[in-house]
Amino acid sequence: MRVCKSMAMVLALIVASGAAVRAEIIDRVLAVVNGAVILQSDSRGALRLGLIEMPAGPEALRAVLDRLIERRLVLIEVNRSGAVELDENAVDARMAAVREKFAGDAELQTVLDENGLTPDQVRSFIRDDLRMAAYLQQRFGTTLEPSEAEVLAYYRLHPERFTRDGVLRPFNAVIDDARTMVTEERRETTIRDWVAGLRRRADVMIPAIVRR
């Protein structure tokens, strides 16, 4: 009931805004995640600014929405955990990288205006991304180191990853790289399973018009 009321209020605001300013593109709700609304402009703006990448495939837009839903769920956990140390210089560097995607400040501002965004909102998005990355590193950074037998099995299953100029490199020459790959894949799998659990327990509503 709480989500339905939140969604109804947002839809009413969107309709009212659209009636008042007909020249603007009417936004729409893509999802409501534990009461927090994800709008079409969130998806469009993040893609246009390169804050998230467009996945390949026919269901690319739905994949983007799934990423935004999962991002919101992780951010809820970050906020719940308390303060996460953040280097503002890293935020500045990411903001500079966004600006470099455009010919100048005027072009960037046009994109921001088209998507109803401000530089402060973009900076907040970037800051949250970095906070989430720091949280995931703190929580899942330590992964049980694989045994040599597990690393060797990975090497044999993925020879293409250790092949250079058509020649498979000896196991002893790449054992450290292979161990890093196994450890990182384990970490990514653990995080995916954790996020999937968050989503199963979450209150996520996607309007029928978006599901189609």
N, C-alpha and C. Protein backbone atom coordinates (compact mmCIF):
# COMPACT_ATOMS: atom_id res chain seq x y z
N MET A 1 0.83 -1.20 0.00
CA MET A 1 0.00 0.00 0.00
C MET A 1 0.86 1.25 0.00
N ARG A 2 1.98 1.24 0.82
CA ARG A 2 2.87 2.39 0.88
C ARG A 2 3.46 2.70 -0.47
N VAL A 3 3.90 1.66 -1.22
CA VAL A 3 4.49 1.87 -2.53
C VAL A 3 3.46 2.40 -3.51
N CYS A 4 2.25 1.86 -3.44
CA CYS A 4 1.20 2.31 -4.35
C CYS A 4 0.91 3.79 -4.14
N LYS A 5 0.87 4.24 -2.87
CA LYS A 5 0.62 5.64 -2.59
C LYS A 5 1.75 6.51 -3.11
N SER A 6 3.01 6.03 -2.90
CA SER A 6 4.16 6.81 -3.39
C SER A 6 4.13 6.94 -4.89
N MET A 7 3.80 5.84 -5.54
CA MET A 7 3.76 5.86 -7.00
C MET A 7 2.64 6.76 -7.50
N ALA A 8 1.50 6.70 -6.84
CA ALA A 8 0.38 7.54 -7.27
C ALA A 8 0.72 9.01 -7.13
N MET A 9 1.41 9.36 -6.04
CA MET A 9 1.78 10.76 -5.83
C MET A 9 2.75 11.23 -6.90
N VAL A 10 3.73 10.37 -7.22
CA VAL A 10 4.71 10.74 -8.24
C VAL A 10 4.04 10.89 -9.60
N LEU A 11 3.17 9.95 -9.93
CA LEU A 11 2.47 10.03 -11.21
C LEU A 11 1.63 11.30 -11.29
N ALA A 12 1.01 11.67 -10.18
CA ALA A 12 0.20 12.90 -10.16
C ALA A 12 1.07 14.12 -10.40
N LEU A 13 2.24 14.14 -9.78
CA LEU A 13 3.16 15.26 -9.96
C LEU A 13 3.64 15.34 -11.40
N ILE A 14 3.93 14.18 -11.98
CA ILE A 14 4.41 14.15 -13.37
C ILE A 14 3.33 14.66 -14.31
N VAL A 15 2.09 14.21 -14.09
CA VAL A 15 0.99 14.66 -14.94
C VAL A 15 0.80 16.16 -14.80
N ALA A 16 0.86 16.66 -13.56
CA ALA A 16 0.68 18.10 -13.32
C ALA A 16 1.78 18.89 -13.99
N SER A 17 3.02 18.41 -13.90
CA SER A 17 4.14 19.11 -14.53
C SER A 17 3.99 19.12 -16.04
N GLY A 18 3.54 17.98 -16.57
CA GLY A 18 3.38 17.90 -18.02
C GLY A 18 2.30 18.83 -18.51
N ALA A 19 1.24 18.99 -17.73
CA ALA A 19 0.16 19.89 -18.14
C ALA A 19 0.61 21.33 -18.08
N ALA A 20 1.50 21.65 -17.10
CA ALA A 20 1.93 23.03 -16.94
C ALA A 20 2.97 23.43 -17.97
N VAL A 21 3.83 22.48 -18.34
CA VAL A 21 4.91 22.79 -19.28
C VAL A 21 4.86 21.79 -20.42
N ARG A 22 4.04 22.04 -21.38
CA ARG A 22 3.81 21.09 -22.46
C ARG A 22 5.02 20.94 -23.38
N ALA A 23 5.90 21.94 -23.39
CA ALA A 23 7.06 21.88 -24.28
C ALA A 23 8.09 20.87 -23.80
N GLU A 24 8.02 20.49 -22.51
CA GLU A 24 9.01 19.57 -21.98
C GLU A 24 8.57 18.13 -22.23
N ILE A 25 9.58 17.23 -22.27
CA ILE A 25 9.29 15.81 -22.42
C ILE A 25 8.71 15.30 -21.10
N ILE A 26 7.56 14.66 -21.14
CA ILE A 26 6.93 14.16 -19.93
C ILE A 26 7.72 12.97 -19.41
N ASP A 27 8.12 13.04 -18.15
CA ASP A 27 8.85 11.95 -17.53
C ASP A 27 7.88 10.83 -17.18
N ARG A 28 8.40 9.65 -16.88
CA ARG A 28 7.52 8.59 -16.42
C ARG A 28 8.26 7.70 -15.43
N VAL A 29 7.51 7.07 -14.57
CA VAL A 29 8.06 6.20 -13.56
C VAL A 29 8.43 4.86 -14.20
N LEU A 30 9.68 4.46 -14.01
CA LEU A 30 10.12 3.15 -14.50
C LEU A 30 10.02 2.09 -13.41
N ALA A 31 10.26 2.50 -12.17
CA ALA A 31 10.19 1.55 -11.06
C ALA A 31 10.11 2.31 -9.75
N VAL A 32 9.56 1.63 -8.74
CA VAL A 32 9.58 2.13 -7.37
C VAL A 32 10.26 1.07 -6.52
N VAL A 33 11.36 1.45 -5.87
CA VAL A 33 12.19 0.50 -5.13
C VAL A 33 12.17 0.88 -3.65
N ASN A 34 11.47 0.07 -2.86
CA ASN A 34 11.33 0.36 -1.43
C ASN A 34 10.90 1.81 -1.20
N GLY A 35 9.99 2.28 -2.04
CA GLY A 35 9.46 3.63 -1.91
C GLY A 35 10.21 4.69 -2.66
N ALA A 36 11.41 4.39 -3.16
CA ALA A 36 12.21 5.35 -3.93
C ALA A 36 11.89 5.19 -5.42
N VAL A 37 11.67 6.31 -6.09
CA VAL A 37 11.23 6.29 -7.48
C VAL A 37 12.42 6.37 -8.43
N ILE A 38 12.40 5.54 -9.47
CA ILE A 38 13.36 5.63 -10.57
C ILE A 38 12.59 6.13 -11.79
N LEU A 39 12.99 7.28 -12.31
CA LEU A 39 12.31 7.89 -13.44
C LEU A 39 13.02 7.59 -14.75
N GLN A 40 12.28 7.76 -15.84
CA GLN A 40 12.88 7.57 -17.16
C GLN A 40 14.07 8.51 -17.36
N SER A 41 13.97 9.72 -16.82
CA SER A 41 15.07 10.67 -16.95
C SER A 41 16.32 10.18 -16.23
N ASP A 42 16.16 9.40 -15.14
CA ASP A 42 17.31 8.83 -14.45
C ASP A 42 18.09 7.92 -15.39
N SER A 43 17.33 7.06 -16.08
CA SER A 43 17.95 6.12 -17.02
C SER A 43 18.56 6.84 -18.20
N ARG A 44 17.78 7.74 -18.81
CA ARG A 44 18.24 8.45 -20.00
C ARG A 44 19.46 9.32 -19.69
N GLY A 45 19.41 10.04 -18.57
CA GLY A 45 20.51 10.92 -18.21
C GLY A 45 21.78 10.16 -17.89
N ALA A 46 21.66 9.06 -17.13
CA ALA A 46 22.84 8.27 -16.78
C ALA A 46 23.51 7.69 -18.03
N LEU A 47 22.69 7.26 -18.98
CA LEU A 47 23.25 6.73 -20.23
C LEU A 47 23.91 7.82 -21.05
N ARG A 48 23.23 8.95 -21.19
CA ARG A 48 23.75 10.03 -22.03
C ARG A 48 25.06 10.59 -21.49
N LEU A 49 25.21 10.61 -20.18
CA LEU A 49 26.42 11.15 -19.56
C LEU A 49 27.51 10.09 -19.39
N GLY A 50 27.19 8.85 -19.74
CA GLY A 50 28.18 7.79 -19.62
C GLY A 50 28.39 7.31 -18.20
N LEU A 51 27.41 7.58 -17.32
CA LEU A 51 27.52 7.14 -15.93
C LEU A 51 27.24 5.64 -15.81
N ILE A 52 26.45 5.11 -16.74
CA ILE A 52 26.27 3.67 -16.88
C ILE A 52 26.38 3.35 -18.36
N GLU A 53 26.76 2.12 -18.66
CA GLU A 53 26.94 1.71 -20.05
C GLU A 53 25.69 1.02 -20.57
N MET A 54 25.43 1.22 -21.86
CA MET A 54 24.30 0.54 -22.49
C MET A 54 24.70 -0.90 -22.80
N PRO A 55 24.03 -1.88 -22.20
CA PRO A 55 24.34 -3.28 -22.48
C PRO A 55 23.96 -3.64 -23.91
N ALA A 56 24.55 -4.68 -24.41
CA ALA A 56 24.21 -5.17 -25.75
C ALA A 56 22.97 -6.06 -25.66
N GLY A 57 22.30 -6.22 -26.81
CA GLY A 57 21.17 -7.14 -26.86
C GLY A 57 19.84 -6.44 -26.98
N PRO A 58 18.79 -7.20 -27.34
CA PRO A 58 17.46 -6.63 -27.58
C PRO A 58 16.79 -6.12 -26.31
N GLU A 59 17.22 -6.61 -25.14
CA GLU A 59 16.61 -6.19 -23.87
C GLU A 59 17.50 -5.19 -23.15
N ALA A 60 18.22 -4.38 -23.93
CA ALA A 60 19.21 -3.47 -23.35
C ALA A 60 18.58 -2.48 -22.37
N LEU A 61 17.44 -1.89 -22.76
CA LEU A 61 16.81 -0.89 -21.90
C LEU A 61 16.33 -1.50 -20.60
N ARG A 62 15.79 -2.72 -20.67
CA ARG A 62 15.37 -3.39 -19.44
C ARG A 62 16.58 -3.71 -18.57
N ALA A 63 17.71 -4.06 -19.21
CA ALA A 63 18.93 -4.34 -18.45
C ALA A 63 19.41 -3.09 -17.73
N VAL A 64 19.27 -1.93 -18.38
CA VAL A 64 19.64 -0.67 -17.74
C VAL A 64 18.76 -0.44 -16.51
N LEU A 65 17.46 -0.67 -16.65
CA LEU A 65 16.55 -0.50 -15.52
C LEU A 65 16.93 -1.45 -14.39
N ASP A 66 17.25 -2.69 -14.72
CA ASP A 66 17.66 -3.64 -13.68
C ASP A 66 18.89 -3.14 -12.93
N ARG A 67 19.82 -2.55 -13.68
CA ARG A 67 21.03 -2.02 -13.04
C ARG A 67 20.69 -0.88 -12.10
N LEU A 68 19.77 -0.01 -12.52
CA LEU A 68 19.38 1.11 -11.67
C LEU A 68 18.64 0.63 -10.42
N ILE A 69 17.83 -0.42 -10.57
CA ILE A 69 17.14 -0.99 -9.42
C ILE A 69 18.15 -1.57 -8.43
N GLU A 70 19.09 -2.35 -8.96
CA GLU A 70 20.10 -2.97 -8.09
C GLU A 70 21.00 -1.90 -7.46
N ARG A 71 21.30 -0.85 -8.23
CA ARG A 71 22.10 0.25 -7.68
C ARG A 71 21.38 0.87 -6.49
N ARG A 72 20.08 1.09 -6.62
CA ARG A 72 19.30 1.68 -5.53
C ARG A 72 19.32 0.78 -4.31
N LEU A 73 19.21 -0.53 -4.50
CA LEU A 73 19.21 -1.47 -3.38
C LEU A 73 20.56 -1.47 -2.66
N VAL A 74 21.64 -1.44 -3.43
CA VAL A 74 22.97 -1.41 -2.81
C VAL A 74 23.16 -0.10 -2.06
N LEU A 75 22.69 1.00 -2.65
CA LEU A 75 22.85 2.30 -2.01
C LEU A 75 22.10 2.35 -0.68
N ILE A 76 20.95 1.70 -0.62
CA ILE A 76 20.21 1.63 0.64
C ILE A 76 21.06 0.95 1.71
N GLU A 77 21.75 -0.13 1.33
CA GLU A 77 22.62 -0.83 2.28
C GLU A 77 23.81 0.03 2.69
N VAL A 78 24.36 0.79 1.74
CA VAL A 78 25.48 1.67 2.06
C VAL A 78 25.04 2.72 3.07
N ASN A 79 23.89 3.34 2.83
CA ASN A 79 23.39 4.36 3.74
C ASN A 79 23.07 3.79 5.11
N ARG A 80 22.63 2.54 5.11
CA ARG A 80 22.27 1.88 6.36
C ARG A 80 23.53 1.55 7.18
N SER A 81 24.63 1.32 6.50
CA SER A 81 25.86 0.89 7.17
C SER A 81 26.59 2.02 7.88
N GLY A 82 26.25 3.27 7.57
CA GLY A 82 26.94 4.40 8.16
C GLY A 82 27.92 5.03 7.19
N ALA A 83 28.83 5.83 7.71
CA ALA A 83 29.75 6.59 6.86
C ALA A 83 30.74 5.68 6.15
N VAL A 84 30.99 6.03 4.89
CA VAL A 84 32.02 5.37 4.09
C VAL A 84 33.01 6.45 3.69
N GLU A 85 34.28 6.25 4.02
CA GLU A 85 35.29 7.25 3.70
C GLU A 85 35.37 7.43 2.19
N LEU A 86 35.43 8.69 1.78
CA LEU A 86 35.44 8.99 0.36
C LEU A 86 36.42 10.10 0.06
N ASP A 87 37.22 9.91 -0.98
CA ASP A 87 38.19 10.91 -1.40
C ASP A 87 37.50 11.82 -2.42
N GLU A 88 37.29 13.07 -2.06
CA GLU A 88 36.62 14.01 -2.95
C GLU A 88 37.42 14.24 -4.23
N ASN A 89 38.73 14.01 -4.17
CA ASN A 89 39.55 14.14 -5.38
C ASN A 89 39.12 13.11 -6.43
N ALA A 90 38.68 11.95 -5.95
CA ALA A 90 38.20 10.92 -6.88
C ALA A 90 36.90 11.37 -7.53
N VAL A 91 36.05 12.06 -6.77
CA VAL A 91 34.81 12.59 -7.34
C VAL A 91 35.15 13.65 -8.39
N ASP A 92 36.09 14.52 -8.08
CA ASP A 92 36.51 15.55 -9.04
C ASP A 92 37.01 14.92 -10.33
N ALA A 93 37.80 13.86 -10.19
CA ALA A 93 38.36 13.19 -11.38
C ALA A 93 37.26 12.59 -12.24
N ARG A 94 36.26 11.99 -11.61
CA ARG A 94 35.15 11.41 -12.37
C ARG A 94 34.31 12.50 -13.03
N MET A 95 34.11 13.59 -12.34
CA MET A 95 33.38 14.72 -12.94
C MET A 95 34.13 15.25 -14.16
N ALA A 96 35.45 15.34 -14.05
CA ALA A 96 36.26 15.81 -15.18
C ALA A 96 36.14 14.85 -16.35
N ALA A 97 36.09 13.55 -16.05
CA ALA A 97 35.96 12.55 -17.11
C ALA A 97 34.62 12.69 -17.84
N VAL A 98 33.57 13.03 -17.09
CA VAL A 98 32.25 13.26 -17.72
C VAL A 98 32.33 14.47 -18.64
N ARG A 99 32.94 15.55 -18.19
CA ARG A 99 33.04 16.76 -19.00
C ARG A 99 33.82 16.51 -20.29
N GLU A 100 34.82 15.64 -20.21
CA GLU A 100 35.66 15.37 -21.38
C GLU A 100 34.90 14.64 -22.49
N LYS A 101 33.74 14.09 -22.18
CA LYS A 101 32.95 13.39 -23.20
C LYS A 101 32.27 14.38 -24.15
N PHE A 102 32.28 15.66 -23.78
CA PHE A 102 31.55 16.67 -24.56
C PHE A 102 32.52 17.72 -25.10
N ALA A 103 32.06 18.39 -26.16
CA ALA A 103 32.92 19.37 -26.83
C ALA A 103 33.20 20.58 -25.94
N GLY A 104 32.32 20.87 -25.02
CA GLY A 104 32.50 22.02 -24.14
C GLY A 104 31.40 22.07 -23.10
N ASP A 105 31.50 23.08 -22.22
CA ASP A 105 30.50 23.21 -21.15
C ASP A 105 29.10 23.45 -21.70
N ALA A 106 29.01 24.14 -22.85
CA ALA A 106 27.70 24.43 -23.42
C ALA A 106 27.00 23.14 -23.86
N GLU A 107 27.75 22.24 -24.48
CA GLU A 107 27.15 20.97 -24.92
C GLU A 107 26.74 20.13 -23.71
N LEU A 108 27.59 20.10 -22.69
CA LEU A 108 27.26 19.37 -21.47
C LEU A 108 26.00 19.94 -20.84
N GLN A 109 25.91 21.26 -20.76
CA GLN A 109 24.75 21.89 -20.15
C GLN A 109 23.48 21.57 -20.93
N THR A 110 23.59 21.49 -22.26
CA THR A 110 22.43 21.14 -23.09
C THR A 110 21.92 19.75 -22.73
N VAL A 111 22.84 18.81 -22.56
CA VAL A 111 22.46 17.44 -22.20
C VAL A 111 21.82 17.42 -20.81
N LEU A 112 22.39 18.17 -19.90
CA LEU A 112 21.82 18.24 -18.55
C LEU A 112 20.40 18.81 -18.59
N ASP A 113 20.23 19.88 -19.36
CA ASP A 113 18.91 20.51 -19.46
C ASP A 113 17.90 19.56 -20.08
N GLU A 114 18.32 18.83 -21.11
CA GLU A 114 17.41 17.90 -21.79
C GLU A 114 16.91 16.80 -20.87
N ASN A 115 17.72 16.48 -19.85
CA ASN A 115 17.35 15.39 -18.95
C ASN A 115 16.96 15.88 -17.55
N GLY A 116 16.79 17.20 -17.42
CA GLY A 116 16.35 17.75 -16.15
C GLY A 116 17.35 17.53 -15.02
N LEU A 117 18.64 17.58 -15.34
CA LEU A 117 19.69 17.34 -14.36
C LEU A 117 20.50 18.60 -14.09
N THR A 118 21.17 18.62 -12.95
CA THR A 118 22.09 19.69 -12.61
C THR A 118 23.47 19.09 -12.36
N PRO A 119 24.53 19.91 -12.44
CA PRO A 119 25.86 19.39 -12.12
C PRO A 119 25.93 18.79 -10.72
N ASP A 120 25.23 19.37 -9.77
CA ASP A 120 25.24 18.83 -8.41
C ASP A 120 24.63 17.44 -8.36
N GLN A 121 23.59 17.21 -9.16
CA GLN A 121 22.97 15.88 -9.19
C GLN A 121 23.91 14.85 -9.81
N VAL A 122 24.63 15.27 -10.85
CA VAL A 122 25.60 14.37 -11.46
C VAL A 122 26.71 14.04 -10.47
N ARG A 123 27.17 15.06 -9.77
CA ARG A 123 28.22 14.85 -8.77
C ARG A 123 27.73 13.90 -7.67
N SER A 124 26.48 14.05 -7.27
CA SER A 124 25.91 13.18 -6.25
C SER A 124 25.85 11.73 -6.75
N PHE A 125 25.47 11.54 -8.02
CA PHE A 125 25.42 10.20 -8.62
C PHE A 125 26.81 9.57 -8.57
N ILE A 126 27.82 10.35 -8.97
CA ILE A 126 29.20 9.86 -8.98
C ILE A 126 29.67 9.54 -7.56
N ARG A 127 29.36 10.43 -6.63
CA ARG A 127 29.77 10.20 -5.24
C ARG A 127 29.15 8.91 -4.72
N ASP A 128 27.88 8.69 -5.03
CA ASP A 128 27.23 7.45 -4.57
C ASP A 128 27.88 6.23 -5.21
N ASP A 129 28.24 6.32 -6.48
CA ASP A 129 28.93 5.20 -7.13
C ASP A 129 30.22 4.85 -6.39
N LEU A 130 30.98 5.87 -6.05
CA LEU A 130 32.25 5.65 -5.36
C LEU A 130 32.03 5.14 -3.94
N ARG A 131 30.98 5.63 -3.28
CA ARG A 131 30.65 5.11 -1.95
C ARG A 131 30.28 3.64 -2.01
N MET A 132 29.51 3.26 -3.03
CA MET A 132 29.13 1.86 -3.19
C MET A 132 30.34 0.99 -3.46
N ALA A 133 31.25 1.47 -4.31
CA ALA A 133 32.46 0.70 -4.62
C ALA A 133 33.29 0.49 -3.36
N ALA A 134 33.41 1.55 -2.53
CA ALA A 134 34.17 1.43 -1.29
C ALA A 134 33.51 0.45 -0.32
N TYR A 135 32.18 0.50 -0.25
CA TYR A 135 31.44 -0.40 0.63
C TYR A 135 31.63 -1.86 0.21
N LEU A 136 31.50 -2.11 -1.09
CA LEU A 136 31.64 -3.48 -1.59
C LEU A 136 33.06 -3.99 -1.36
N GLN A 137 34.05 -3.10 -1.48
CA GLN A 137 35.42 -3.51 -1.22
C GLN A 137 35.60 -3.86 0.25
N GLN A 138 35.01 -3.05 1.12
CA GLN A 138 35.11 -3.32 2.55
C GLN A 138 34.43 -4.64 2.92
N ARG A 139 33.27 -4.85 2.33
CA ARG A 139 32.47 -6.02 2.72
C ARG A 139 32.91 -7.31 2.04
N PHE A 140 33.32 -7.20 0.78
CA PHE A 140 33.64 -8.41 0.02
C PHE A 140 35.08 -8.44 -0.50
N GLY A 141 35.90 -7.51 -0.01
CA GLY A 141 37.27 -7.43 -0.52
C GLY A 141 38.12 -8.63 -0.16
N THR A 142 37.82 -9.25 0.96
CA THR A 142 38.59 -10.43 1.40
C THR A 142 37.85 -11.69 0.97
N THR A 143 38.44 -12.37 0.02
CA THR A 143 37.84 -13.61 -0.49
C THR A 143 38.80 -14.77 -0.22
N LEU A 144 38.25 -15.90 0.13
CA LEU A 144 39.08 -17.07 0.39
C LEU A 144 39.97 -17.37 -0.81
N GLU A 145 41.27 -17.41 -0.57
CA GLU A 145 42.21 -17.63 -1.67
C GLU A 145 42.06 -19.03 -2.22
N PRO A 146 41.98 -19.16 -3.56
CA PRO A 146 41.82 -20.49 -4.16
C PRO A 146 43.08 -21.34 -4.01
N SER A 147 42.89 -22.63 -3.98
CA SER A 147 44.03 -23.54 -3.92
C SER A 147 44.71 -23.60 -5.29
N GLU A 148 45.90 -24.14 -5.32
CA GLU A 148 46.62 -24.26 -6.59
C GLU A 148 45.86 -25.17 -7.55
N ALA A 149 45.21 -26.21 -7.00
CA ALA A 149 44.44 -27.12 -7.84
C ALA A 149 43.28 -26.38 -8.51
N GLU A 150 42.63 -25.47 -7.77
CA GLU A 150 41.53 -24.69 -8.33
C GLU A 150 42.02 -23.72 -9.39
N VAL A 151 43.19 -23.13 -9.14
CA VAL A 151 43.77 -22.22 -10.12
C VAL A 151 44.15 -22.97 -11.39
N LEU A 152 44.72 -24.17 -11.23
CA LEU A 152 45.09 -24.98 -12.39
C LEU A 152 43.86 -25.38 -13.19
N ALA A 153 42.78 -25.73 -12.49
CA ALA A 153 41.54 -26.10 -13.18
C ALA A 153 41.01 -24.91 -13.98
N TYR A 154 41.10 -23.73 -13.42
CA TYR A 154 40.66 -22.52 -14.13
C TYR A 154 41.52 -22.29 -15.36
N TYR A 155 42.80 -22.45 -15.22
CA TYR A 155 43.75 -22.30 -16.34
C TYR A 155 43.39 -23.24 -17.49
N ARG A 156 43.04 -24.46 -17.14
CA ARG A 156 42.72 -25.46 -18.17
C ARG A 156 41.35 -25.19 -18.81
N LEU A 157 40.44 -24.62 -18.04
CA LEU A 157 39.11 -24.33 -18.57
C LEU A 157 39.09 -23.08 -19.46
N HIS A 158 40.05 -22.19 -19.25
CA HIS A 158 40.06 -20.92 -19.97
C HIS A 158 41.42 -20.66 -20.63
N PRO A 159 41.85 -21.55 -21.51
CA PRO A 159 43.17 -21.36 -22.14
C PRO A 159 43.27 -20.07 -22.95
N GLU A 160 42.14 -19.59 -23.49
CA GLU A 160 42.17 -18.39 -24.32
C GLU A 160 42.62 -17.16 -23.52
N ARG A 161 42.43 -17.20 -22.22
CA ARG A 161 42.81 -16.05 -21.40
C ARG A 161 44.31 -16.00 -21.12
N PHE A 162 44.98 -17.07 -21.44
CA PHE A 162 46.42 -17.13 -21.18
C PHE A 162 47.22 -17.38 -22.46
N THR A 163 46.58 -17.11 -23.56
CA THR A 163 47.21 -17.31 -24.87
C THR A 163 47.68 -15.98 -25.42
N ARG A 164 48.92 -15.91 -25.87
CA ARG A 164 49.48 -14.71 -26.46
C ARG A 164 50.09 -15.06 -27.81
N ASP A 165 49.64 -14.32 -28.83
CA ASP A 165 50.14 -14.55 -30.20
C ASP A 165 49.97 -16.01 -30.62
N GLY A 166 48.84 -16.57 -30.23
CA GLY A 166 48.53 -17.94 -30.64
C GLY A 166 49.22 -19.01 -29.83
N VAL A 167 49.95 -18.64 -28.78
CA VAL A 167 50.70 -19.63 -27.99
C VAL A 167 50.20 -19.58 -26.54
N LEU A 168 49.83 -20.75 -26.02
CA LEU A 168 49.39 -20.85 -24.64
C LEU A 168 50.60 -20.74 -23.71
N ARG A 169 50.57 -19.76 -22.83
CA ARG A 169 51.68 -19.57 -21.90
C ARG A 169 51.67 -20.67 -20.84
N PRO A 170 52.85 -21.10 -20.38
CA PRO A 170 52.93 -22.16 -19.35
C PRO A 170 52.23 -21.74 -18.07
N PHE A 171 51.67 -22.71 -17.37
CA PHE A 171 50.93 -22.44 -16.15
C PHE A 171 51.79 -21.70 -15.12
N ASN A 172 53.05 -22.13 -14.96
CA ASN A 172 53.91 -21.51 -13.96
C ASN A 172 54.18 -20.03 -14.26
N ALA A 173 54.04 -19.65 -15.53
CA ALA A 173 54.31 -18.26 -15.91
C ALA A 173 53.10 -17.36 -15.65
N VAL A 174 51.93 -17.95 -15.53
CA VAL A 174 50.70 -17.15 -15.38
C VAL A 174 49.93 -17.48 -14.11
N ILE A 175 50.53 -18.23 -13.21
CA ILE A 175 49.79 -18.69 -12.03
C ILE A 175 49.26 -17.53 -11.20
N ASP A 176 50.06 -16.46 -11.08
CA ASP A 176 49.59 -15.31 -10.29
C ASP A 176 48.40 -14.62 -10.96
N ASP A 177 48.47 -14.47 -12.29
CA ASP A 177 47.35 -13.88 -13.03
C ASP A 177 46.11 -14.75 -12.90
N ALA A 178 46.29 -16.06 -13.03
CA ALA A 178 45.16 -16.98 -12.94
C ALA A 178 44.54 -16.94 -11.54
N ARG A 179 45.37 -16.86 -10.51
CA ARG A 179 44.84 -16.79 -9.15
C ARG A 179 44.03 -15.51 -8.95
N THR A 180 44.52 -14.41 -9.50
CA THR A 180 43.80 -13.14 -9.40
C THR A 180 42.45 -13.23 -10.10
N MET A 181 42.42 -13.87 -11.27
CA MET A 181 41.17 -14.01 -12.02
C MET A 181 40.16 -14.85 -11.25
N VAL A 182 40.62 -15.96 -10.67
CA VAL A 182 39.72 -16.82 -9.90
C VAL A 182 39.16 -16.06 -8.70
N THR A 183 40.04 -15.36 -7.99
CA THR A 183 39.62 -14.60 -6.81
C THR A 183 38.61 -13.53 -7.17
N GLU A 184 38.86 -12.80 -8.27
CA GLU A 184 37.96 -11.73 -8.69
C GLU A 184 36.62 -12.29 -9.13
N GLU A 185 36.62 -13.39 -9.85
CA GLU A 185 35.36 -13.98 -10.29
C GLU A 185 34.55 -14.49 -9.09
N ARG A 186 35.23 -15.04 -8.10
CA ARG A 186 34.53 -15.46 -6.88
C ARG A 186 33.88 -14.27 -6.19
N ARG A 187 34.64 -13.17 -6.12
CA ARG A 187 34.12 -11.96 -5.48
C ARG A 187 32.90 -11.45 -6.24
N GLU A 188 32.97 -11.40 -7.57
CA GLU A 188 31.85 -10.92 -8.37
C GLU A 188 30.63 -11.82 -8.21
N THR A 189 30.85 -13.12 -8.14
CA THR A 189 29.74 -14.06 -7.96
C THR A 189 29.09 -13.85 -6.59
N THR A 190 29.93 -13.65 -5.56
CA THR A 190 29.41 -13.42 -4.22
C THR A 190 28.57 -12.15 -4.17
N ILE A 191 29.05 -11.10 -4.82
CA ILE A 191 28.31 -9.83 -4.85
C ILE A 191 27.00 -9.99 -5.62
N ARG A 192 27.04 -10.68 -6.77
CA ARG A 192 25.81 -10.89 -7.54
C ARG A 192 24.77 -11.65 -6.72
N ASP A 193 25.22 -12.67 -6.00
CA ASP A 193 24.28 -13.45 -5.18
C ASP A 193 23.71 -12.58 -4.06
N TRP A 194 24.56 -11.74 -3.47
CA TRP A 194 24.10 -10.85 -2.40
C TRP A 194 23.07 -9.85 -2.93
N VAL A 195 23.34 -9.25 -4.09
CA VAL A 195 22.40 -8.29 -4.68
C VAL A 195 21.10 -8.98 -5.06
N ALA A 196 21.20 -10.20 -5.59
CA ALA A 196 19.99 -10.96 -5.93
C ALA A 196 19.14 -11.18 -4.68
N GLY A 197 19.80 -11.44 -3.54
CA GLY A 197 19.06 -11.61 -2.29
C GLY A 197 18.38 -10.31 -1.86
N LEU A 198 19.08 -9.18 -2.04
CA LEU A 198 18.47 -7.89 -1.73
C LEU A 198 17.22 -7.69 -2.56
N ARG A 199 17.30 -8.05 -3.82
CA ARG A 199 16.15 -7.82 -4.71
C ARG A 199 14.98 -8.73 -4.35
N ARG A 200 15.28 -9.97 -3.97
CA ARG A 200 14.19 -10.87 -3.60
C ARG A 200 13.44 -10.35 -2.38
N ARG A 201 14.16 -9.71 -1.48
CA ARG A 201 13.53 -9.22 -0.24
C ARG A 201 12.95 -7.82 -0.39
N ALA A 202 13.26 -7.16 -1.50
CA ALA A 202 12.86 -5.76 -1.68
C ALA A 202 11.42 -5.65 -2.17
N ASP A 203 10.88 -4.46 -2.00
CA ASP A 203 9.56 -4.13 -2.51
C ASP A 203 9.78 -3.34 -3.81
N VAL A 204 9.76 -4.05 -4.93
CA VAL A 204 10.04 -3.43 -6.22
C VAL A 204 8.78 -3.49 -7.08
N MET A 205 8.33 -2.33 -7.57
CA MET A 205 7.17 -2.29 -8.45
C MET A 205 7.58 -1.68 -9.79
N ILE A 206 7.29 -2.39 -10.86
CA ILE A 206 7.54 -1.90 -12.22
C ILE A 206 6.19 -1.78 -12.91
N PRO A 207 5.79 -0.59 -13.34
CA PRO A 207 4.49 -0.42 -13.98
C PRO A 207 4.34 -1.32 -15.20
N ALA A 208 3.10 -1.73 -15.47
CA ALA A 208 2.82 -2.64 -16.59
C ALA A 208 3.29 -2.04 -17.90
N ILE A 209 3.18 -0.74 -18.06
CA ILE A 209 3.56 -0.11 -19.33
C ILE A 209 5.05 -0.24 -19.58
N VAL A 210 5.85 -0.38 -18.51
CA VAL A 210 7.29 -0.56 -18.63
C VAL A 210 7.62 -2.03 -18.85
N ARG A 211 6.86 -2.93 -18.22
CA ARG A 211 7.12 -4.37 -18.34
C ARG A 211 6.89 -4.86 -19.75
N ARG A 212 6.01 -4.21 -20.50
CA ARG A 212 5.68 -4.68 -21.84
C ARG A 212 6.81 -4.40 -22.79
